[in-house]
Amino acid sequence: MTELDKTIRYYNENAKAFVRGTAEVEFEDMQRHFTDQLQNNALILDFGCGSGRDTKYFLEHGYKVTAIDGSEELCRLASEYTGIEVKQMLFQELNDVNFYDGIWACSSILHLKKTELEQVLNKMKQALKNNGIIYTSFKYGTFEGERNGRHFTDMTEEAFENMLKGVDGLAVEEKWITTDVRPGRGEERWLNLILRKI
């Protein structure tokens, strides 16, 4: 079984608990920081939407949203939660061109192996309209491997900048460190990034 299969199996088996632990987490500061850089009625791709928390926020604030996730069970639960159909799709299957104003990849593409990240970021860049933005986040550090039944690729600022050299036309506009907003997880640090298609 591949790392990807294991990660998707984890989310299928733990979908209800995952939704309970994330759907109501207060995340508006980050969501608003992203949407402040978009026009009204912008089209957003929620790339690995999990519980659907962020999709629901974007819809409620007047944005058009396409939401995808690799876990069949999370797609089902997120569809119920958001009121829109969430499409089951792997990150590697993204093939849109010049389509989205913004891509929201919150704690999602961190499940890809480092060798896969560059390819997927190229696909994300291709899917963006000119001057479009990406928000993404990674656990802060240098670890890559299995943690709690899922594959994680952690990132530092330097490691991400080095990896981005293989993605022509995508630049880091902002980077900042935060702590985890979930109860009892405040000691965990996250690398947050806003990228722009140039």
Protein backbone atom coordinates (compact mmCIF):
# COMPACT_ATOMS: atom_id res chain seq x y z
CA MET A 1 0.00 0.00 0.00
CA THR A 2 1.41 3.40 -0.99
CA GLU A 3 1.72 6.38 1.36
CA LEU A 4 -1.15 7.99 -0.53
CA ASP A 5 -3.39 4.94 -0.10
CA LYS A 6 -2.63 4.86 3.63
CA THR A 7 -3.39 8.55 4.04
CA ILE A 8 -6.71 8.29 2.19
CA ARG A 9 -7.64 5.17 4.16
CA TYR A 10 -6.92 7.06 7.39
CA TYR A 11 -9.30 9.86 6.40
CA ASN A 12 -12.00 7.44 5.23
CA GLU A 13 -11.82 5.53 8.52
CA ASN A 14 -11.61 8.63 10.74
CA ALA A 15 -13.72 11.08 8.73
CA LYS A 16 -16.39 11.75 11.37
CA ALA A 17 -13.84 12.37 14.13
CA PHE A 18 -11.78 14.58 11.80
CA VAL A 19 -14.83 16.68 10.91
CA ARG A 20 -15.75 16.99 14.60
CA GLY A 21 -12.24 18.20 15.38
CA THR A 22 -11.92 20.75 12.58
CA ALA A 23 -15.30 21.98 11.27
CA GLU A 24 -15.95 24.46 14.08
CA VAL A 25 -12.36 25.63 14.64
CA GLU A 26 -12.15 29.43 14.47
CA PHE A 27 -10.01 30.22 11.43
CA GLU A 28 -11.43 33.52 10.20
CA ASP A 29 -8.20 35.53 10.49
CA MET A 30 -6.51 33.25 7.97
CA GLN A 31 -9.58 32.94 5.72
CA ARG A 32 -9.99 36.72 5.61
CA HIS A 33 -6.28 37.29 4.97
CA PHE A 34 -6.72 35.15 1.83
CA THR A 35 -10.01 36.65 0.64
CA ASP A 36 -8.82 40.23 1.21
CA GLN A 37 -6.56 39.67 -1.80
CA LEU A 38 -9.40 38.51 -4.07
CA GLN A 39 -12.11 40.35 -5.96
CA ASN A 40 -15.75 39.94 -4.97
CA ASN A 41 -17.28 36.86 -6.61
CA ALA A 42 -13.82 35.36 -7.19
CA LEU A 43 -13.64 31.65 -8.01
CA ILE A 44 -11.79 29.65 -5.34
CA LEU A 45 -10.56 26.06 -5.48
CA ASP A 46 -10.58 24.49 -2.00
CA PHE A 47 -7.84 21.97 -2.70
CA GLY A 48 -8.23 19.20 -0.13
CA CYS A 49 -11.23 20.64 1.68
CA GLY A 50 -11.44 18.12 4.55
CA SER A 51 -14.51 18.92 6.66
CA GLY A 52 -15.61 21.72 4.31
CA ARG A 53 -15.09 24.40 7.00
CA ASP A 54 -13.32 26.83 4.69
CA THR A 55 -15.57 26.15 1.68
CA LYS A 56 -18.57 27.00 3.87
CA TYR A 57 -16.93 30.27 4.98
CA PHE A 58 -16.07 31.29 1.40
CA LEU A 59 -19.59 30.50 0.15
CA GLU A 60 -21.15 32.48 3.00
CA HIS A 61 -19.01 35.47 2.03
CA GLY A 62 -20.14 35.49 -1.59
CA TYR A 63 -17.35 33.59 -3.34
CA LYS A 64 -17.80 30.83 -5.90
CA VAL A 65 -16.12 27.63 -4.72
CA THR A 66 -15.05 24.33 -6.24
CA ALA A 67 -14.16 21.89 -3.46
CA ILE A 68 -12.23 18.63 -3.83
CA ASP A 69 -10.82 15.97 -1.53
CA GLY A 70 -9.18 12.59 -2.01
CA SER A 71 -11.24 10.87 0.69
CA GLU A 72 -14.61 9.57 -0.44
CA GLU A 73 -15.99 9.76 3.10
CA LEU A 74 -14.80 13.34 3.67
CA CYS A 75 -16.33 14.34 0.33
CA ARG A 76 -19.67 12.94 1.50
CA LEU A 77 -19.57 14.69 4.88
CA ALA A 78 -18.26 17.97 3.44
CA SER A 79 -21.00 17.95 0.80
CA GLU A 80 -23.61 17.66 3.58
CA TYR A 81 -21.93 20.40 5.61
CA THR A 82 -21.44 22.93 2.80
CA GLY A 83 -24.50 22.27 0.67
CA ILE A 84 -22.44 21.90 -2.52
CA GLU A 85 -21.15 18.78 -4.21
CA VAL A 86 -17.56 18.08 -3.18
CA LYS A 87 -15.70 16.22 -5.88
CA GLN A 88 -13.51 13.23 -5.04
CA MET A 89 -10.18 13.86 -6.76
CA LEU A 90 -6.47 13.43 -6.13
CA PHE A 91 -4.20 16.47 -6.19
CA GLN A 92 -2.29 14.98 -9.14
CA GLU A 93 -5.50 14.93 -11.21
CA LEU A 94 -5.84 18.74 -11.34
CA ASN A 95 -5.82 19.71 -15.03
CA ASP A 96 -7.63 23.07 -15.17
CA VAL A 97 -5.90 25.93 -17.04
CA ASN A 98 -6.22 29.67 -16.19
CA PHE A 99 -9.42 28.97 -14.29
CA TYR A 100 -9.24 29.98 -10.60
CA ASP A 101 -8.65 33.35 -8.95
CA GLY A 102 -7.38 31.66 -5.80
CA ILE A 103 -6.45 28.19 -4.56
CA TRP A 104 -6.83 27.40 -0.88
CA ALA A 105 -4.64 24.43 0.13
CA CYS A 106 -4.86 24.56 3.89
CA SER A 107 -3.02 21.66 5.60
CA SER A 108 -3.63 19.53 2.52
CA ILE A 109 -0.73 19.24 0.06
CA LEU A 110 1.51 18.53 3.06
CA HIS A 111 0.36 14.90 2.61
CA LEU A 112 2.28 14.68 -0.69
CA LYS A 113 5.82 13.35 -0.81
CA LYS A 114 8.42 16.06 -1.39
CA THR A 115 9.10 14.57 -4.83
CA GLU A 116 5.40 15.03 -5.74
CA LEU A 117 4.99 18.56 -4.40
CA GLU A 118 6.82 20.29 -7.25
CA GLN A 119 4.65 18.56 -9.87
CA VAL A 120 1.42 19.43 -8.04
CA LEU A 121 2.47 23.05 -7.48
CA ASN A 122 3.08 23.32 -11.22
CA LYS A 123 -0.46 22.02 -11.80
CA MET A 124 -1.82 24.53 -9.27
CA LYS A 125 0.02 27.39 -11.00
CA GLN A 126 -1.40 26.26 -14.35
CA ALA A 127 -4.93 26.21 -12.89
CA LEU A 128 -4.64 29.82 -11.68
CA LYS A 129 -5.51 32.88 -13.70
CA ASN A 130 -2.68 35.37 -14.17
CA ASN A 131 -1.89 37.12 -10.87
CA GLY A 132 -3.91 34.48 -9.00
CA ILE A 133 -2.91 33.44 -5.48
CA ILE A 134 -2.40 30.25 -3.49
CA TYR A 135 -2.61 29.91 0.28
CA THR A 136 -0.95 26.78 1.64
CA SER A 137 0.36 25.57 5.00
CA PHE A 138 2.75 22.93 6.29
CA LYS A 139 3.76 21.68 9.70
CA TYR A 140 7.01 23.48 10.50
CA GLY A 141 10.17 21.39 10.40
CA THR A 142 12.24 18.96 8.36
CA PHE A 143 10.38 15.66 8.96
CA GLU A 144 9.10 13.60 6.04
CA GLY A 145 7.35 10.27 6.59
CA GLU A 146 4.41 8.62 8.36
CA ARG A 147 2.90 10.27 11.39
CA ASN A 148 -0.33 9.03 13.00
CA GLY A 149 -1.24 6.86 9.99
CA ARG A 150 -0.69 9.57 7.37
CA HIS A 151 2.22 10.78 5.25
CA PHE A 152 3.51 14.27 6.07
CA THR A 153 6.10 16.47 4.44
CA ASP A 154 7.05 19.24 6.87
CA MET A 155 8.61 22.45 5.58
CA THR A 156 10.87 25.29 6.67
CA GLU A 157 11.07 28.59 4.78
CA GLU A 158 14.38 27.55 3.21
CA ALA A 159 13.19 24.09 2.16
CA PHE A 160 10.07 25.52 0.52
CA GLU A 161 11.99 28.23 -1.34
CA ASN A 162 14.42 25.60 -2.64
CA MET A 163 11.58 23.36 -3.83
CA LEU A 164 9.82 26.31 -5.50
CA LYS A 165 12.84 26.83 -7.77
CA GLY A 166 11.40 23.99 -9.85
CA VAL A 167 8.09 25.86 -10.34
CA ASP A 168 8.60 28.64 -12.86
CA GLY A 169 6.16 31.55 -12.56
CA LEU A 170 5.14 31.12 -8.92
CA ALA A 171 6.59 33.40 -6.24
CA VAL A 172 6.33 33.58 -2.45
CA GLU A 173 4.53 36.82 -1.60
CA GLU A 174 4.18 36.26 2.15
CA LYS A 175 5.37 33.69 4.69
CA TRP A 176 4.68 33.56 8.41
CA ILE A 177 4.66 31.12 11.31
CA THR A 178 1.60 30.38 13.47
CA THR A 179 0.71 27.97 16.24
CA ASP A 180 -2.04 25.36 15.89
CA VAL A 181 -5.53 26.74 16.56
CA ARG A 182 -7.01 23.40 17.66
CA PRO A 183 -7.50 22.86 21.42
CA GLY A 184 -4.48 21.23 23.06
CA ARG A 185 -2.30 21.64 19.96
CA GLY A 186 -0.85 25.10 20.64
CA GLU A 187 2.73 23.81 20.77
CA GLU A 188 2.61 22.82 17.08
CA ARG A 189 4.04 25.38 14.64
CA TRP A 190 2.88 25.93 11.07
CA LEU A 191 4.49 27.54 8.03
CA ASN A 192 1.90 29.61 6.14
CA LEU A 193 2.51 30.88 2.61
CA ILE A 194 0.82 33.12 0.08
CA LEU A 195 2.10 32.41 -3.44
CA ARG A 196 1.31 34.45 -6.54
CA LYS A 197 1.32 33.48 -10.21
CA ILE A 198 3.61 35.94 -11.94
